[in-house]
């Protein structure tokens, strides 16, 4: 299964699951990063870490290390 860190800029995907510590998962949930949510990488820093993601009406920066823990599927056209 693919992870969020593999998505190219401006490609929307759907979050399937999150596999991380309870503390980090709680933080993701507080930010609206939950299974079934559409997420889009919109900006990458100079070294590609962190990446800014559009989640609902917010823009959130996520480190590559944490994005590897978010499993995704391609958004249906």
N, C-alpha and C. Protein backbone atom coordinates (compact mmCIF):
# COMPACT_ATOMS: atom_id res chain seq x y z
N UNK A 1 0.85 -1.18 0.00
CA UNK A 1 0.00 0.00 0.00
C UNK A 1 0.89 1.24 0.00
N UNK A 2 0.48 2.27 -0.72
CA UNK A 2 1.27 3.50 -0.83
C UNK A 2 1.09 4.38 0.40
N UNK A 3 2.11 5.21 0.64
CA UNK A 3 2.06 6.13 1.76
C UNK A 3 2.04 7.57 1.25
N UNK A 4 1.66 8.49 2.12
CA UNK A 4 1.48 9.88 1.75
C UNK A 4 2.75 10.53 1.21
N UNK A 5 3.91 10.12 1.69
CA UNK A 5 5.16 10.74 1.24
C UNK A 5 5.48 10.45 -0.22
N UNK A 6 4.78 9.52 -0.88
CA UNK A 6 5.04 9.18 -2.28
C UNK A 6 4.18 9.97 -3.27
N UNK A 7 3.25 10.76 -2.78
CA UNK A 7 2.32 11.49 -3.66
C UNK A 7 2.99 12.72 -4.26
N UNK A 8 2.81 12.92 -5.54
CA UNK A 8 3.38 14.08 -6.24
C UNK A 8 2.51 15.31 -5.94
N UNK A 9 3.13 16.48 -6.05
CA UNK A 9 2.42 17.74 -5.79
C UNK A 9 1.15 17.85 -6.63
N UNK A 10 0.11 18.38 -6.01
CA UNK A 10 -1.19 18.67 -6.61
C UNK A 10 -1.99 17.43 -7.03
N UNK A 11 -1.60 16.25 -6.57
CA UNK A 11 -2.37 15.04 -6.81
C UNK A 11 -3.15 14.69 -5.53
N UNK A 12 -4.46 14.71 -5.62
CA UNK A 12 -5.29 14.41 -4.46
C UNK A 12 -5.40 12.91 -4.23
N UNK A 13 -5.35 12.52 -2.97
CA UNK A 13 -5.49 11.12 -2.59
C UNK A 13 -6.41 11.04 -1.38
N UNK A 14 -6.85 9.84 -1.08
CA UNK A 14 -7.73 9.60 0.05
C UNK A 14 -6.95 8.82 1.12
N UNK A 15 -7.07 9.23 2.35
CA UNK A 15 -6.39 8.56 3.45
C UNK A 15 -7.13 7.26 3.78
N UNK A 16 -6.38 6.14 3.79
CA UNK A 16 -6.96 4.84 4.13
C UNK A 16 -6.80 4.52 5.61
N UNK A 17 -5.57 4.66 6.09
CA UNK A 17 -5.30 4.33 7.49
C UNK A 17 -4.04 5.05 7.96
N UNK A 18 -3.88 5.05 9.28
CA UNK A 18 -2.72 5.68 9.89
C UNK A 18 -2.09 4.66 10.83
N UNK A 19 -0.79 4.43 10.69
CA UNK A 19 -0.08 3.45 11.51
C UNK A 19 1.07 4.14 12.24
N UNK A 20 0.79 4.65 13.44
CA UNK A 20 1.80 5.39 14.19
C UNK A 20 1.48 5.30 15.68
N UNK A 21 2.30 5.98 16.46
CA UNK A 21 2.08 5.98 17.91
C UNK A 21 0.74 6.64 18.23
N UNK A 22 0.23 6.33 19.39
CA UNK A 22 -1.06 6.89 19.80
C UNK A 22 -1.00 8.41 19.89
N UNK A 23 0.11 8.93 20.38
CA UNK A 23 0.28 10.38 20.51
C UNK A 23 0.24 11.08 19.15
N UNK A 24 0.97 10.54 18.16
CA UNK A 24 0.98 11.13 16.82
C UNK A 24 -0.37 10.96 16.15
N UNK A 25 -1.00 9.81 16.33
CA UNK A 25 -2.31 9.58 15.73
C UNK A 25 -3.32 10.58 16.29
N UNK A 26 -3.27 10.85 17.58
CA UNK A 26 -4.17 11.83 18.19
C UNK A 26 -3.94 13.21 17.56
N UNK A 27 -2.69 13.56 17.31
CA UNK A 27 -2.37 14.84 16.68
C UNK A 27 -2.92 14.90 15.26
N UNK A 28 -2.75 13.82 14.50
CA UNK A 28 -3.31 13.77 13.15
C UNK A 28 -4.83 13.94 13.20
N UNK A 29 -5.48 13.24 14.10
CA UNK A 29 -6.93 13.33 14.21
C UNK A 29 -7.36 14.76 14.54
N UNK A 30 -6.63 15.42 15.44
CA UNK A 30 -6.94 16.81 15.79
C UNK A 30 -6.82 17.74 14.60
N UNK A 31 -5.93 17.42 13.67
CA UNK A 31 -5.71 18.24 12.47
C UNK A 31 -6.66 17.87 11.33
N UNK A 32 -7.52 16.87 11.52
CA UNK A 32 -8.47 16.46 10.49
C UNK A 32 -7.93 15.42 9.54
N UNK A 33 -6.79 14.83 9.88
CA UNK A 33 -6.20 13.79 9.05
C UNK A 33 -6.73 12.45 9.55
N UNK A 34 -7.86 12.04 8.95
CA UNK A 34 -8.54 10.82 9.36
C UNK A 34 -8.86 9.98 8.12
N UNK A 35 -9.03 8.67 8.31
CA UNK A 35 -9.39 7.83 7.16
C UNK A 35 -10.64 8.35 6.44
N UNK A 36 -10.58 8.36 5.12
CA UNK A 36 -11.68 8.83 4.30
C UNK A 36 -11.53 10.28 3.86
N UNK A 37 -10.56 10.98 4.41
CA UNK A 37 -10.34 12.39 4.08
C UNK A 37 -9.46 12.54 2.84
N UNK A 38 -9.79 13.50 2.01
CA UNK A 38 -8.96 13.83 0.84
C UNK A 38 -7.84 14.76 1.28
N UNK A 39 -6.63 14.48 0.80
CA UNK A 39 -5.46 15.28 1.14
C UNK A 39 -4.64 15.50 -0.13
N UNK A 40 -4.09 16.72 -0.27
CA UNK A 40 -3.35 17.10 -1.47
C UNK A 40 -2.04 17.79 -1.11
N UNK A 41 -0.91 17.27 -1.55
CA UNK A 41 0.35 17.99 -1.34
C UNK A 41 0.38 19.22 -2.25
N UNK A 42 0.60 20.41 -1.67
CA UNK A 42 0.54 21.63 -2.48
C UNK A 42 1.85 22.40 -2.56
N UNK A 43 2.77 22.12 -1.63
CA UNK A 43 4.05 22.83 -1.65
C UNK A 43 5.10 21.99 -0.95
N UNK A 44 6.30 22.00 -1.52
CA UNK A 44 7.41 21.25 -0.94
C UNK A 44 8.53 22.21 -0.60
N UNK A 45 9.16 22.01 0.55
CA UNK A 45 10.29 22.86 0.92
C UNK A 45 11.48 22.52 0.02
N UNK A 46 12.53 23.27 0.15
CA UNK A 46 13.68 23.13 -0.74
C UNK A 46 14.29 21.73 -0.72
N UNK A 47 14.26 21.05 0.42
CA UNK A 47 14.80 19.69 0.52
C UNK A 47 13.69 18.64 0.59
N UNK A 48 12.47 19.02 0.20
CA UNK A 48 11.30 18.14 0.19
C UNK A 48 10.90 17.64 1.57
N UNK A 49 11.27 18.34 2.60
CA UNK A 49 10.87 17.94 3.95
C UNK A 49 10.87 19.16 4.86
N UNK A 50 9.75 19.61 5.35
CA UNK A 50 8.40 19.03 5.25
C UNK A 50 7.70 19.41 3.94
N UNK A 51 6.51 18.86 3.77
CA UNK A 51 5.65 19.17 2.65
C UNK A 51 4.36 19.76 3.20
N UNK A 52 3.82 20.77 2.53
CA UNK A 52 2.55 21.37 2.92
C UNK A 52 1.41 20.63 2.22
N UNK A 53 0.40 20.25 2.99
CA UNK A 53 -0.75 19.51 2.46
C UNK A 53 -2.03 20.28 2.70
N UNK A 54 -2.92 20.25 1.71
CA UNK A 54 -4.26 20.82 1.85
C UNK A 54 -5.16 19.73 2.42
N UNK A 55 -5.71 19.99 3.59
CA UNK A 55 -6.65 19.07 4.24
C UNK A 55 -7.90 19.87 4.56
N UNK A 56 -8.98 19.58 3.88
CA UNK A 56 -10.21 20.35 4.00
C UNK A 56 -9.89 21.83 3.72
N UNK A 57 -10.12 22.73 4.66
CA UNK A 57 -9.86 24.15 4.45
C UNK A 57 -8.57 24.63 5.10
N UNK A 58 -7.67 23.72 5.42
CA UNK A 58 -6.43 24.08 6.10
C UNK A 58 -5.21 23.60 5.32
N UNK A 59 -4.08 24.25 5.57
CA UNK A 59 -2.81 23.82 5.02
C UNK A 59 -1.94 23.40 6.20
N UNK A 60 -1.43 22.18 6.13
CA UNK A 60 -0.67 21.59 7.24
C UNK A 60 0.66 21.06 6.72
N UNK A 61 1.74 21.36 7.42
CA UNK A 61 3.06 20.84 7.05
C UNK A 61 3.28 19.52 7.79
N UNK A 62 3.69 18.50 7.04
CA UNK A 62 3.95 17.19 7.63
C UNK A 62 5.34 16.73 7.21
N UNK A 63 6.13 16.30 8.19
CA UNK A 63 7.47 15.78 7.90
C UNK A 63 7.35 14.47 7.13
N UNK A 64 8.34 14.22 6.29
CA UNK A 64 8.37 12.99 5.50
C UNK A 64 8.32 11.75 6.40
N UNK A 65 9.02 11.81 7.50
CA UNK A 65 9.05 10.70 8.46
C UNK A 65 7.63 10.36 8.95
N UNK A 66 6.80 11.38 9.17
CA UNK A 66 5.43 11.15 9.62
C UNK A 66 4.50 10.80 8.47
N UNK A 67 4.75 11.36 7.28
CA UNK A 67 3.92 11.06 6.11
C UNK A 67 4.03 9.59 5.71
N UNK A 68 5.16 8.95 6.04
CA UNK A 68 5.34 7.53 5.73
C UNK A 68 4.40 6.64 6.55
N UNK A 69 3.78 7.19 7.56
CA UNK A 69 2.89 6.43 8.44
C UNK A 69 1.42 6.58 8.05
N UNK A 70 1.16 7.36 6.99
CA UNK A 70 -0.21 7.59 6.53
C UNK A 70 -0.40 6.84 5.21
N UNK A 71 -1.26 5.85 5.21
CA UNK A 71 -1.52 5.04 4.03
C UNK A 71 -2.65 5.64 3.22
N UNK A 72 -2.47 5.65 1.90
CA UNK A 72 -3.41 6.33 1.01
C UNK A 72 -3.85 5.46 -0.15
N UNK A 73 -4.92 5.92 -0.82
CA UNK A 73 -5.33 5.32 -2.09
C UNK A 73 -5.62 6.47 -3.04
N UNK A 74 -5.50 6.21 -4.31
CA UNK A 74 -5.72 7.24 -5.33
C UNK A 74 -7.18 7.70 -5.31
N UNK A 75 -7.35 8.99 -5.45
CA UNK A 75 -8.69 9.58 -5.49
C UNK A 75 -9.35 9.20 -6.81
N UNK A 76 -10.62 8.84 -6.78
CA UNK A 76 -11.33 8.50 -8.01
C UNK A 76 -11.66 9.77 -8.77
N UNK A 77 -11.48 9.71 -10.09
CA UNK A 77 -11.72 10.89 -10.95
C UNK A 77 -13.18 11.16 -11.18
